[in-house]
Amino acid sequence: MITPDKKTKKKNLLTALAIIAFMIFLFLFTLYNVGVFERQI
């Protein structure tokens, strides 16, 4: 069994945050494309 050190834990946290941020970005982008928000181009 590998014991994760602080570096690995920090990297995993950053990866998780990046994935969550990307999911939020895709969600908002989809809403914009569907036309939920009124936008002026």
Protein backbone atom coordinates (compact mmCIF):
# COMPACT_ATOMS: atom_id res chain seq x y z
CA MET A 1 0.00 0.00 0.00
CA ILE A 2 1.35 3.38 -1.00
CA THR A 3 1.09 6.13 1.59
CA PRO A 4 0.29 9.43 -0.16
CA ASP A 5 2.56 12.29 0.80
CA LYS A 6 1.59 15.96 0.90
CA LYS A 7 2.66 16.55 -2.71
CA THR A 8 0.39 13.81 -4.05
CA LYS A 9 -2.52 14.98 -1.90
CA LYS A 10 -2.11 18.56 -3.14
CA LYS A 11 -1.97 17.38 -6.76
CA ASN A 12 -5.14 15.32 -6.30
CA LEU A 13 -6.91 18.32 -4.76
CA LEU A 14 -5.87 20.56 -7.68
CA THR A 15 -7.05 17.94 -10.17
CA ALA A 16 -10.42 17.66 -8.42
CA LEU A 17 -10.83 21.45 -8.38
CA ALA A 18 -9.92 21.65 -12.07
CA ILE A 19 -12.51 18.99 -12.96
CA ILE A 20 -15.22 20.74 -10.91
CA ALA A 21 -14.40 24.12 -12.49
CA PHE A 22 -14.49 22.54 -15.95
CA MET A 23 -17.90 20.96 -15.22
CA ILE A 24 -19.29 24.33 -14.07
CA PHE A 25 -17.89 25.96 -17.22
CA LEU A 26 -19.54 23.34 -19.45
CA PHE A 27 -22.82 23.71 -17.57
CA LEU A 28 -22.89 27.50 -18.00
CA PHE A 29 -21.76 27.22 -21.64
CA THR A 30 -24.62 24.79 -22.35
CA LEU A 31 -27.13 27.13 -20.72
CA TYR A 32 -25.86 30.00 -22.86
CA ASN A 33 -26.15 27.91 -26.03
CA VAL A 34 -29.68 26.76 -25.14
CA GLY A 35 -30.64 30.41 -24.60
CA VAL A 36 -31.66 30.38 -20.95
CA PHE A 37 -29.89 33.69 -20.43
CA GLU A 38 -30.72 36.69 -22.61
CA ARG A 39 -27.49 37.80 -24.21
CA GLN A 40 -26.63 40.53 -26.66
CA ILE A 41 -23.93 39.88 -29.23
